[in-house]
Amino acid sequence: MNWNNLLMVFALSIGIFVVYSMANLYFLSKIKINKWIVLVLGLFFLFIGLIVPAYTDNMFLNYLPTGIFVFLFLWYADLSGLSKIGVPKEKTQNTQVIKPKAKPNKLKYADEKDIIRDSGKGKKKKK
C-alpha cells in the first residue's frame, strides 16, 4: 500500500465521520428504524465492497461501498447503544428517602442507672 492510498483512506474516514455527525444531528436522530435493518444493510454493503475491487480499478468505486458500510455501522452503533460504552453513566436522583423505623420500646430493657434524670434545676423559667 502506498502513501496515496493510505492518505485516501484517512481522508475518507474523517469525511465519513463528519458526514455522519452532521446527518445524525439533523436527520438520523429523527428517524425511527429497526437497528437490525441498518445492520443488514451495512453487511450487504460490506460484501459489495469486497466484490467490487475484482471488477474495477477505480479507487472511488472501490471505497464507496466500504464508506457506506462504515456510515451504516456508526448508525447501528448509535441505535443499539454501543457508542455509550465509555460515557460515564448519569446519576439518578432518588426521590424516595429511606427513614429508620421508630423503636418505641428501646428503653424498655435499659438499666435504671443508665438513665439520666433531670430534676429541672437547669431549665429557664418562663416570664
C-alpha atoms as a PDB file:
ATOM      1  CA  MET A   1       0.000   0.000   0.000  1.00  0.00           C
ATOM      2  CA  ASN A   2       1.481   3.313  -1.000  1.00  0.00           C
ATOM      3  CA  TRP A   3       1.086   6.669   0.744  1.00  0.00           C
ATOM      4  CA  ASN A   4      -1.586   7.906  -1.650  1.00  0.00           C
ATOM      5  CA  ASN A   5      -3.901   5.044  -0.755  1.00  0.00           C
ATOM      6  CA  LEU A   6      -3.221   5.499   2.955  1.00  0.00           C
ATOM      7  CA  LEU A   7      -3.990   9.221   2.775  1.00  0.00           C
ATOM      8  CA  MET A   8      -7.127   8.477   0.784  1.00  0.00           C
ATOM      9  CA  VAL A   9      -8.359   6.014   3.432  1.00  0.00           C
ATOM     10  CA  PHE A  10      -7.546   8.529   6.185  1.00  0.00           C
ATOM     11  CA  ALA A  11      -9.403  11.346   4.387  1.00  0.00           C
ATOM     12  CA  LEU A  12     -12.331   9.018   3.682  1.00  0.00           C
ATOM     13  CA  SER A  13     -12.527   8.065   7.362  1.00  0.00           C
ATOM     14  CA  ILE A  14     -12.585  11.676   8.506  1.00  0.00           C
ATOM     15  CA  GLY A  15     -15.094  12.588   5.785  1.00  0.00           C
ATOM     16  CA  ILE A  16     -17.442   9.747   6.712  1.00  0.00           C
ATOM     17  CA  PHE A  17     -17.305  10.678  10.383  1.00  0.00           C
ATOM     18  CA  VAL A  18     -18.043  14.356   9.660  1.00  0.00           C
ATOM     19  CA  VAL A  19     -20.908  13.485   7.301  1.00  0.00           C
ATOM     20  CA  TYR A  20     -22.311  11.003   9.816  1.00  0.00           C
ATOM     21  CA  SER A  21     -22.105  13.509  12.673  1.00  0.00           C
ATOM     22  CA  MET A  22     -23.986  16.141  10.681  1.00  0.00           C
ATOM     23  CA  ALA A  23     -26.545  13.645   9.370  1.00  0.00           C
ATOM     24  CA  ASN A  24     -27.139  12.279  12.864  1.00  0.00           C
ATOM     25  CA  LEU A  25     -27.543  15.762  14.294  1.00  0.00           C
ATOM     26  CA  TYR A  26     -30.127  16.927  11.742  1.00  0.00           C
ATOM     27  CA  PHE A  27     -31.655  13.834  10.159  1.00  0.00           C
ATOM     28  CA  LEU A  28     -30.858  10.369  11.517  1.00  0.00           C
ATOM     29  CA  SER A  29     -31.824  11.051  15.131  1.00  0.00           C
ATOM     30  CA  LYS A  30     -35.369  11.852  13.988  1.00  0.00           C
ATOM     31  CA  ILE A  31     -35.814   8.591  12.050  1.00  0.00           C
ATOM     32  CA  LYS A  32     -37.238   5.626  13.940  1.00  0.00           C
ATOM     33  CA  ILE A  33     -35.899   2.489  12.263  1.00  0.00           C
ATOM     34  CA  ASN A  34     -35.133  -1.002  13.469  1.00  0.00           C
ATOM     35  CA  LYS A  35     -31.436  -1.420  14.279  1.00  0.00           C
ATOM     36  CA  TRP A  36     -31.325  -4.849  12.624  1.00  0.00           C
ATOM     37  CA  ILE A  37     -32.380  -3.397   9.259  1.00  0.00           C
ATOM     38  CA  VAL A  38     -29.483  -0.946   9.464  1.00  0.00           C
ATOM     39  CA  LEU A  39     -27.077  -3.773  10.370  1.00  0.00           C
ATOM     40  CA  VAL A  40     -28.233  -5.979   7.481  1.00  0.00           C
ATOM     41  CA  LEU A  41     -27.868  -3.085   5.034  1.00  0.00           C
ATOM     42  CA  GLY A  42     -24.392  -2.404   6.406  1.00  0.00           C
ATOM     43  CA  LEU A  43     -23.342  -6.041   5.991  1.00  0.00           C
ATOM     44  CA  PHE A  44     -24.756  -6.017   2.448  1.00  0.00           C
ATOM     45  CA  PHE A  45     -22.534  -3.048   1.557  1.00  0.00           C
ATOM     46  CA  LEU A  46     -19.576  -4.724   3.253  1.00  0.00           C
ATOM     47  CA  PHE A  47     -19.886  -7.741   0.962  1.00  0.00           C
ATOM     48  CA  ILE A  48     -20.349  -5.483  -2.067  1.00  0.00           C
ATOM     49  CA  GLY A  49     -17.163  -3.666  -1.002  1.00  0.00           C
ATOM     50  CA  LEU A  50     -15.322  -6.991  -1.051  1.00  0.00           C
ATOM     51  CA  ILE A  51     -16.578  -7.908  -4.521  1.00  0.00           C
ATOM     52  CA  VAL A  52     -16.241  -4.560  -6.371  1.00  0.00           C
ATOM     53  CA  PRO A  53     -12.400  -4.411  -6.483  1.00  0.00           C
ATOM     54  CA  ALA A  54     -12.355  -7.601  -8.540  1.00  0.00           C
ATOM     55  CA  TYR A  55     -14.302  -5.876 -11.334  1.00  0.00           C
ATOM     56  CA  THR A  56     -12.894  -2.342 -11.425  1.00  0.00           C
ATOM     57  CA  ASP A  57      -9.698  -0.432 -10.735  1.00  0.00           C
ATOM     58  CA  ASN A  58     -11.459   2.848  -9.978  1.00  0.00           C
ATOM     59  CA  MET A  59     -10.448   3.904  -6.437  1.00  0.00           C
ATOM     60  CA  PHE A  60     -13.672   5.831  -5.834  1.00  0.00           C
ATOM     61  CA  LEU A  61     -15.821   2.788  -6.682  1.00  0.00           C
ATOM     62  CA  ASN A  62     -13.607   0.583  -4.515  1.00  0.00           C
ATOM     63  CA  TYR A  63     -14.004   2.743  -1.404  1.00  0.00           C
ATOM     64  CA  LEU A  64     -17.643   3.817  -1.843  1.00  0.00           C
ATOM     65  CA  PRO A  65     -19.323   0.588  -0.550  1.00  0.00           C
ATOM     66  CA  THR A  66     -16.880   0.428   2.349  1.00  0.00           C
ATOM     67  CA  GLY A  67     -17.679   4.040   3.225  1.00  0.00           C
ATOM     68  CA  ILE A  68     -21.404   3.297   3.151  1.00  0.00           C
ATOM     69  CA  PHE A  69     -20.779   0.282   5.404  1.00  0.00           C
ATOM     70  CA  VAL A  70     -18.897   2.414   7.939  1.00  0.00           C
ATOM     71  CA  PHE A  71     -21.678   5.038   7.855  1.00  0.00           C
ATOM     72  CA  LEU A  72     -24.363   2.388   8.454  1.00  0.00           C
ATOM     73  CA  PHE A  73     -22.299   0.707  11.178  1.00  0.00           C
ATOM     74  CA  LEU A  74     -21.946   4.024  13.022  1.00  0.00           C
ATOM     75  CA  TRP A  75     -25.709   4.448  12.770  1.00  0.00           C
ATOM     76  CA  TYR A  76     -26.238   0.901  14.079  1.00  0.00           C
ATOM     77  CA  ALA A  77     -23.882   1.605  16.984  1.00  0.00           C
ATOM     78  CA  ASP A  78     -25.927   4.653  17.938  1.00  0.00           C
ATOM     79  CA  LEU A  79     -29.235   2.803  17.622  1.00  0.00           C
ATOM     80  CA  SER A  80     -28.101  -0.135  19.739  1.00  0.00           C
ATOM     81  CA  GLY A  81     -26.310   1.946  22.381  1.00  0.00           C
ATOM     82  CA  LEU A  82     -22.803   0.678  21.612  1.00  0.00           C
ATOM     83  CA  SER A  83     -21.470   4.207  21.359  1.00  0.00           C
ATOM     84  CA  LYS A  84     -22.259   4.929  25.020  1.00  0.00           C
ATOM     85  CA  ILE A  85     -19.880   2.338  26.444  1.00  0.00           C
ATOM     86  CA  GLY A  86     -17.159   4.782  27.521  1.00  0.00           C
ATOM     87  CA  VAL A  87     -19.532   7.554  28.576  1.00  0.00           C
ATOM     88  CA  PRO A  88     -19.960   7.880  32.338  1.00  0.00           C
ATOM     89  CA  LYS A  89     -23.438   6.999  33.497  1.00  0.00           C
ATOM     90  CA  GLU A  90     -25.634   9.763  34.817  1.00  0.00           C
ATOM     91  CA  LYS A  91     -26.509   9.519  38.459  1.00  0.00           C
ATOM     92  CA  THR A  92     -30.195   9.137  39.074  1.00  0.00           C
ATOM     93  CA  GLN A  93     -31.613  11.042  41.976  1.00  0.00           C
ATOM     94  CA  ASN A  94     -33.792   9.027  44.314  1.00  0.00           C
ATOM     95  CA  THR A  95     -36.841  10.982  45.351  1.00  0.00           C
ATOM     96  CA  GLN A  96     -37.692   8.412  47.962  1.00  0.00           C
ATOM     97  CA  VAL A  97     -35.853   8.836  51.258  1.00  0.00           C
ATOM     98  CA  ILE A  98     -35.419   5.815  53.467  1.00  0.00           C
ATOM     99  CA  LYS A  99     -36.186   6.684  57.080  1.00  0.00           C
ATOM    100  CA  PRO A 100     -35.232   4.473  60.006  1.00  0.00           C
ATOM    101  CA  LYS A 101     -38.064   2.718  61.754  1.00  0.00           C
ATOM    102  CA  ALA A 102     -39.071   4.168  65.106  1.00  0.00           C
ATOM    103  CA  LYS A 103     -38.273   1.934  68.060  1.00  0.00           C
ATOM    104  CA  PRO A 104     -40.766   2.708  70.844  1.00  0.00           C
ATOM    105  CA  ASN A 105     -39.545   0.030  73.271  1.00  0.00           C
ATOM    106  CA  LYS A 106     -35.887   0.946  73.077  1.00  0.00           C
ATOM    107  CA  LEU A 107     -35.658   1.998  76.743  1.00  0.00           C
ATOM    108  CA  LYS A 108     -37.724  -0.927  77.971  1.00  0.00           C
ATOM    109  CA  TYR A 109     -34.715  -3.033  78.834  1.00  0.00           C
ATOM    110  CA  ALA A 110     -32.325  -0.250  79.884  1.00  0.00           C
ATOM    111  CA  ASP A 111     -30.943  -0.211  83.414  1.00  0.00           C
ATOM    112  CA  GLU A 112     -32.175   2.459  85.784  1.00  0.00           C
ATOM    113  CA  LYS A 113     -28.648   3.652  86.493  1.00  0.00           C
ATOM    114  CA  ASP A 114     -28.068   4.373  82.775  1.00  0.00           C
ATOM    115  CA  ILE A 115     -30.995   6.801  82.590  1.00  0.00           C
ATOM    116  CA  ILE A 116     -30.069  10.384  83.466  1.00  0.00           C
ATOM    117  CA  ARG A 117     -32.848  12.116  85.304  1.00  0.00           C
ATOM    118  CA  ASP A 118     -33.206  15.828  85.197  1.00  0.00           C
ATOM    119  CA  SER A 119     -34.646  17.472  88.267  1.00  0.00           C
ATOM    120  CA  GLY A 120     -35.481  20.628  86.371  1.00  0.00           C
ATOM    121  CA  LYS A 121     -32.852  22.847  88.066  1.00  0.00           C
ATOM    122  CA  GLY A 122     -31.182  23.852  84.813  1.00  0.00           C
ATOM    123  CA  LYS A 123     -34.353  24.892  82.995  1.00  0.00           C
ATOM    124  CA  LYS A 124     -35.147  28.525  82.257  1.00  0.00           C
ATOM    125  CA  LYS A 125     -38.259  29.976  83.778  1.00  0.00           C
ATOM    126  CA  LYS A 126     -40.897  31.454  81.511  1.00  0.00           C
ATOM    127  CA  LYS A 127     -41.923  35.030  82.138  1.00  0.00           C
END
